[in-house]
């Protein structure tokens, strides 16, 4: 599987998932979005680093891991 970098708007929800892993740009700031794209395109090392970070972050949201976390939460709720 080829890993890819992730660029997202710096908005609640996405900020918490992407910050420190992918690249964020101010909501509506097309110039900053463009600069992020150009940076990734022109700097292969940056592209690789961000892509690897994003792939690692995506693993945290793997369906099996997420289902296990939900089962744990529901199990704790049922015990109270």
Protein backbone atom coordinates (compact mmCIF):
# COMPACT_ATOMS: atom_id res chain seq x y z
CA UNK A 1 0.00 0.00 0.00
CA UNK A 2 1.38 3.40 -0.97
CA UNK A 3 1.25 5.94 1.83
CA UNK A 4 0.07 9.49 1.14
CA UNK A 5 0.35 12.76 3.06
CA UNK A 6 -2.79 14.43 4.37
CA UNK A 7 -3.65 18.13 4.21
CA UNK A 8 -6.72 19.44 6.03
CA UNK A 9 -8.41 22.65 7.10
CA UNK A 10 -7.49 23.73 10.62
CA UNK A 11 -11.00 23.27 12.01
CA UNK A 12 -12.28 21.50 15.13
CA UNK A 13 -12.35 17.75 14.63
CA UNK A 14 -9.82 17.66 11.81
CA UNK A 15 -7.32 19.66 13.89
CA UNK A 16 -7.29 17.04 16.63
CA UNK A 17 -6.83 14.16 14.19
CA UNK A 18 -4.30 15.72 11.81
CA UNK A 19 -2.20 18.04 13.99
CA UNK A 20 1.30 16.68 14.38
CA UNK A 21 0.82 14.10 11.64
CA UNK A 22 -0.35 15.78 8.44
CA UNK A 23 -0.45 19.40 7.35
CA UNK A 24 -3.07 21.96 8.34
CA UNK A 25 -4.06 25.20 6.64
CA UNK A 26 -6.28 27.98 7.91
CA UNK A 27 -9.88 27.40 6.84
CA UNK A 28 -10.52 29.19 3.56
CA UNK A 29 -6.86 30.12 3.03
CA UNK A 30 -6.34 28.80 -0.49
CA UNK A 31 -2.89 30.36 -0.65
CA UNK A 32 -1.69 28.37 2.35
CA UNK A 33 -3.30 25.22 0.95
CA UNK A 34 -1.47 25.80 -2.32
CA UNK A 35 1.81 26.39 -0.49
CA UNK A 36 1.37 23.11 1.39
CA UNK A 37 0.73 21.26 -1.87
CA UNK A 38 3.76 22.85 -3.55
CA UNK A 39 5.92 22.04 -0.51
CA UNK A 40 4.94 18.38 -0.64
CA UNK A 41 5.39 18.23 -4.40
CA UNK A 42 8.81 19.87 -4.43
CA UNK A 43 10.31 18.33 -1.27
CA UNK A 44 10.35 14.53 -1.52
CA UNK A 45 11.81 14.19 1.98
CA UNK A 46 8.96 16.25 3.45
CA UNK A 47 6.46 14.25 1.39
CA UNK A 48 7.85 10.98 2.68
CA UNK A 49 7.99 12.11 6.30
CA UNK A 50 4.42 13.46 6.31
CA UNK A 51 3.10 10.42 4.42
CA UNK A 52 4.74 8.04 6.91
CA UNK A 53 3.34 10.02 9.87
CA UNK A 54 -0.13 9.94 8.31
CA UNK A 55 0.04 6.20 7.70
CA UNK A 56 0.96 5.65 11.34
CA UNK A 57 -1.89 7.87 12.48
CA UNK A 58 -4.36 6.06 10.22
CA UNK A 59 -3.45 2.78 11.92
CA UNK A 60 -4.83 4.22 15.16
CA UNK A 61 -8.24 4.38 13.46
CA UNK A 62 -8.14 0.85 12.04
CA UNK A 63 -11.64 -0.67 12.17
CA UNK A 64 -10.57 -3.53 14.45
CA UNK A 65 -8.88 -1.16 16.89
CA UNK A 66 -11.88 1.18 16.91
CA UNK A 67 -14.37 -1.66 17.44
CA UNK A 68 -12.26 -2.90 20.35
CA UNK A 69 -12.28 0.56 21.91
CA UNK A 70 -16.06 0.81 21.56
CA UNK A 71 -16.51 -2.62 23.14
CA UNK A 72 -14.34 -1.52 26.06
CA UNK A 73 -16.37 1.67 26.55
CA UNK A 74 -19.70 -0.17 26.41
CA UNK A 75 -18.37 -2.84 28.76
CA UNK A 76 -17.37 -0.19 31.31
CA UNK A 77 -20.77 1.52 30.97
CA UNK A 78 -22.60 -1.73 31.58
CA UNK A 79 -20.58 -2.38 34.76
CA UNK A 80 -21.69 0.90 36.36
